[in-house]
Amino acid sequence: MSDQEKVRVFHNSYKTADNHPDFSSKGVEAFGKSLDVAVWKNKDKNGNDYLNIQFDPAYEKADQGSSAPKQDSDDRIPF
């Protein structure tokens, strides 16, 4: 791992609520891991701007397998 990591985030054009991040990036390779990054623009009590940055493990969709129902090994018609 290098002493320095760079992460690029993009404006979140899907933001529809205040708790959604202002900027984000998915699957970023940093710190030796694949991460999702979220950034919110905020103001402190004195009105100074700051950024709140959150790193989470990259989201991986669970392998659902086949959507077809499993069949019994006995395929005979029961009549």
N, C-alpha and C. Protein backbone atom coordinates (compact mmCIF):
# COMPACT_ATOMS: atom_id res chain seq x y z
N MET A 1 0.85 -1.19 0.00
CA MET A 1 0.00 0.00 0.00
C MET A 1 0.89 1.23 0.00
N SER A 2 0.52 2.21 -0.79
CA SER A 2 1.28 3.45 -0.84
C SER A 2 0.90 4.33 0.35
N ASP A 3 1.70 5.38 0.55
CA ASP A 3 1.41 6.33 1.61
C ASP A 3 0.25 7.23 1.26
N GLN A 4 -0.14 7.21 -0.01
CA GLN A 4 -1.16 8.12 -0.49
C GLN A 4 -2.16 7.37 -1.36
N GLU A 5 -3.43 7.62 -1.13
CA GLU A 5 -4.49 7.03 -1.96
C GLU A 5 -5.33 8.16 -2.54
N LYS A 6 -5.77 8.00 -3.77
CA LYS A 6 -6.64 8.98 -4.40
C LYS A 6 -7.98 8.33 -4.70
N VAL A 7 -9.03 9.06 -4.42
CA VAL A 7 -10.39 8.58 -4.65
C VAL A 7 -11.14 9.66 -5.42
N ARG A 8 -11.82 9.26 -6.47
CA ARG A 8 -12.61 10.19 -7.27
C ARG A 8 -14.09 9.92 -6.96
N VAL A 9 -14.82 10.98 -6.64
CA VAL A 9 -16.26 10.87 -6.39
C VAL A 9 -16.99 11.75 -7.39
N PHE A 10 -18.25 11.44 -7.63
CA PHE A 10 -19.06 12.13 -8.64
C PHE A 10 -20.34 12.66 -8.01
N HIS A 11 -20.83 13.75 -8.57
CA HIS A 11 -22.08 14.34 -8.09
C HIS A 11 -23.20 13.30 -8.15
N ASN A 12 -23.98 13.22 -7.09
CA ASN A 12 -25.08 12.26 -7.01
C ASN A 12 -26.34 12.89 -7.60
N SER A 13 -26.60 12.64 -8.86
CA SER A 13 -27.77 13.22 -9.53
C SER A 13 -29.07 12.53 -9.12
N TYR A 14 -28.97 11.44 -8.33
CA TYR A 14 -30.17 10.72 -7.88
C TYR A 14 -30.59 11.13 -6.47
N LYS A 15 -29.94 12.11 -5.89
CA LYS A 15 -30.25 12.54 -4.52
C LYS A 15 -31.68 13.08 -4.46
N THR A 16 -32.50 12.48 -3.60
CA THR A 16 -33.88 12.93 -3.43
C THR A 16 -34.21 13.25 -1.98
N ALA A 17 -33.26 13.00 -1.06
CA ALA A 17 -33.49 13.28 0.36
C ALA A 17 -32.19 13.80 0.98
N ASP A 18 -32.30 14.53 2.08
CA ASP A 18 -31.13 15.12 2.72
C ASP A 18 -30.12 14.07 3.20
N ASN A 19 -30.59 12.87 3.52
CA ASN A 19 -29.66 11.85 4.01
C ASN A 19 -28.92 11.12 2.88
N HIS A 20 -29.26 11.39 1.63
CA HIS A 20 -28.53 10.83 0.50
C HIS A 20 -27.24 11.63 0.31
N PRO A 21 -26.14 10.97 -0.07
CA PRO A 21 -24.89 11.70 -0.24
C PRO A 21 -24.94 12.68 -1.42
N ASP A 22 -24.15 13.75 -1.29
CA ASP A 22 -24.04 14.73 -2.37
C ASP A 22 -23.14 14.22 -3.49
N PHE A 23 -22.15 13.42 -3.12
CA PHE A 23 -21.21 12.83 -4.06
C PHE A 23 -21.00 11.37 -3.67
N SER A 24 -20.70 10.51 -4.64
CA SER A 24 -20.45 9.10 -4.32
C SER A 24 -19.64 8.43 -5.42
N SER A 25 -19.13 7.27 -5.08
CA SER A 25 -18.42 6.44 -6.04
C SER A 25 -18.50 5.00 -5.54
N LYS A 26 -18.66 4.06 -6.45
CA LYS A 26 -18.82 2.66 -6.09
C LYS A 26 -17.63 1.84 -6.58
N GLY A 27 -17.21 0.86 -5.77
CA GLY A 27 -16.17 -0.08 -6.17
C GLY A 27 -14.81 0.56 -6.36
N VAL A 28 -14.48 1.54 -5.54
CA VAL A 28 -13.19 2.22 -5.62
C VAL A 28 -12.12 1.32 -5.00
N GLU A 29 -11.00 1.16 -5.68
CA GLU A 29 -9.88 0.41 -5.13
C GLU A 29 -8.99 1.37 -4.35
N ALA A 30 -9.01 1.26 -3.01
CA ALA A 30 -8.20 2.13 -2.16
C ALA A 30 -7.91 1.40 -0.86
N PHE A 31 -6.77 1.67 -0.30
CA PHE A 31 -6.36 1.07 0.97
C PHE A 31 -6.34 -0.44 0.88
N GLY A 32 -6.10 -0.97 -0.31
CA GLY A 32 -6.03 -2.41 -0.51
C GLY A 32 -7.38 -3.10 -0.49
N LYS A 33 -8.46 -2.34 -0.61
CA LYS A 33 -9.82 -2.90 -0.57
C LYS A 33 -10.67 -2.27 -1.65
N SER A 34 -11.78 -2.92 -1.96
CA SER A 34 -12.78 -2.35 -2.85
C SER A 34 -13.83 -1.67 -1.97
N LEU A 35 -14.01 -0.37 -2.17
CA LEU A 35 -14.86 0.42 -1.28
C LEU A 35 -15.91 1.20 -2.05
N ASP A 36 -17.02 1.48 -1.36
CA ASP A 36 -18.01 2.44 -1.82
C ASP A 36 -17.78 3.70 -0.99
N VAL A 37 -17.80 4.87 -1.63
CA VAL A 37 -17.51 6.12 -0.96
C VAL A 37 -18.73 7.04 -1.07
N ALA A 38 -19.09 7.68 0.04
CA ALA A 38 -20.19 8.64 0.06
C ALA A 38 -19.69 9.93 0.72
N VAL A 39 -20.07 11.07 0.16
CA VAL A 39 -19.62 12.36 0.67
C VAL A 39 -20.82 13.30 0.80
N TRP A 40 -20.93 13.93 1.99
CA TRP A 40 -21.97 14.91 2.24
C TRP A 40 -21.33 16.26 2.50
N LYS A 41 -21.90 17.33 1.91
CA LYS A 41 -21.47 18.71 2.21
C LYS A 41 -22.26 19.16 3.44
N ASN A 42 -21.56 19.71 4.42
CA ASN A 42 -22.19 20.17 5.64
C ASN A 42 -21.64 21.52 6.07
N LYS A 43 -22.30 22.12 7.07
CA LYS A 43 -21.81 23.35 7.70
C LYS A 43 -21.76 23.11 9.20
N ASP A 44 -20.69 23.60 9.84
CA ASP A 44 -20.61 23.48 11.30
C ASP A 44 -21.42 24.59 11.95
N LYS A 45 -21.43 24.64 13.28
CA LYS A 45 -22.27 25.61 13.99
C LYS A 45 -21.85 27.06 13.73
N ASN A 46 -20.61 27.26 13.24
CA ASN A 46 -20.14 28.60 12.92
C ASN A 46 -20.36 28.97 11.45
N GLY A 47 -20.98 28.06 10.69
CA GLY A 47 -21.25 28.32 9.28
C GLY A 47 -20.12 27.94 8.34
N ASN A 48 -19.09 27.29 8.87
CA ASN A 48 -17.97 26.86 8.04
C ASN A 48 -18.32 25.57 7.31
N ASP A 49 -17.96 25.50 6.04
CA ASP A 49 -18.21 24.30 5.24
C ASP A 49 -17.24 23.19 5.61
N TYR A 50 -17.73 21.94 5.59
CA TYR A 50 -16.87 20.77 5.75
C TYR A 50 -17.49 19.60 5.01
N LEU A 51 -16.70 18.58 4.77
CA LEU A 51 -17.16 17.37 4.09
C LEU A 51 -17.17 16.21 5.07
N ASN A 52 -18.24 15.45 5.06
CA ASN A 52 -18.35 14.22 5.84
C ASN A 52 -18.17 13.08 4.84
N ILE A 53 -17.13 12.26 5.03
CA ILE A 53 -16.80 11.20 4.08
C ILE A 53 -16.96 9.84 4.75
N GLN A 54 -17.65 8.95 4.06
CA GLN A 54 -17.89 7.60 4.60
C GLN A 54 -17.37 6.56 3.61
N PHE A 55 -16.58 5.62 4.12
CA PHE A 55 -16.08 4.49 3.33
C PHE A 55 -16.76 3.23 3.84
N ASP A 56 -17.32 2.44 2.94
CA ASP A 56 -17.95 1.17 3.28
C ASP A 56 -17.39 0.09 2.36
N PRO A 57 -17.38 -1.18 2.81
CA PRO A 57 -16.99 -2.25 1.89
C PRO A 57 -17.90 -2.19 0.65
N ALA A 58 -17.34 -2.44 -0.51
CA ALA A 58 -18.12 -2.37 -1.75
C ALA A 58 -19.29 -3.33 -1.69
N TYR A 59 -20.43 -2.85 -2.14
CA TYR A 59 -21.65 -3.66 -2.16
C TYR A 59 -21.50 -4.75 -3.21
N GLU A 60 -21.76 -5.97 -2.79
CA GLU A 60 -21.76 -7.09 -3.72
C GLU A 60 -23.11 -7.77 -3.63
N LYS A 61 -23.78 -7.82 -4.76
CA LYS A 61 -25.11 -8.44 -4.81
C LYS A 61 -24.97 -9.92 -4.46
N ALA A 62 -25.80 -10.39 -3.56
CA ALA A 62 -25.77 -11.80 -3.15
C ALA A 62 -26.12 -12.68 -4.33
N ASP A 63 -25.40 -13.78 -4.48
CA ASP A 63 -25.67 -14.72 -5.56
C ASP A 63 -26.95 -15.47 -5.24
N GLN A 64 -27.99 -15.18 -5.99
CA GLN A 64 -29.30 -15.77 -5.76
C GLN A 64 -29.42 -17.13 -6.43
N GLY A 65 -28.47 -17.48 -7.28
CA GLY A 65 -28.57 -18.74 -8.01
C GLY A 65 -29.66 -18.65 -9.05
N SER A 66 -30.12 -19.77 -9.49
CA SER A 66 -31.18 -19.81 -10.49
C SER A 66 -32.50 -19.41 -9.87
N SER A 67 -33.32 -18.68 -10.60
CA SER A 67 -34.62 -18.27 -10.08
C SER A 67 -35.67 -19.37 -10.27
N ALA A 68 -35.32 -20.42 -11.01
CA ALA A 68 -36.26 -21.52 -11.22
C ALA A 68 -36.34 -22.37 -9.96
N PRO A 69 -37.55 -22.83 -9.60
CA PRO A 69 -37.68 -23.68 -8.41
C PRO A 69 -36.92 -24.98 -8.61
N LYS A 70 -36.40 -25.48 -7.50
CA LYS A 70 -35.66 -26.74 -7.57
C LYS A 70 -36.63 -27.90 -7.75
N GLN A 71 -36.23 -28.84 -8.54
CA GLN A 71 -37.07 -30.01 -8.81
C GLN A 71 -36.59 -31.19 -7.96
N ASP A 72 -37.52 -32.03 -7.57
CA ASP A 72 -37.15 -33.25 -6.86
C ASP A 72 -36.44 -34.18 -7.83
N SER A 73 -35.64 -35.08 -7.28
CA SER A 73 -34.91 -36.01 -8.14
C SER A 73 -35.85 -37.05 -8.75
N ASP A 74 -37.05 -37.20 -8.18
CA ASP A 74 -38.02 -38.16 -8.69
C ASP A 74 -38.97 -37.41 -9.63
N ASP A 75 -38.78 -37.52 -10.94
CA ASP A 75 -39.56 -36.79 -11.93
C ASP A 75 -40.81 -37.54 -12.40
N ARG A 76 -41.15 -38.61 -11.74
CA ARG A 76 -42.33 -39.38 -12.18
C ARG A 76 -43.61 -38.61 -11.87
N ILE A 77 -44.60 -38.75 -12.74
CA ILE A 77 -45.90 -38.13 -12.53
C ILE A 77 -46.64 -38.98 -11.49
N PRO A 78 -47.19 -38.35 -10.44
CA PRO A 78 -47.77 -39.10 -9.33
C PRO A 78 -49.20 -39.59 -9.54
N PHE A 79 -49.55 -40.12 -10.72
CA PHE A 79 -50.88 -40.73 -10.90
C PHE A 79 -50.80 -41.92 -11.78
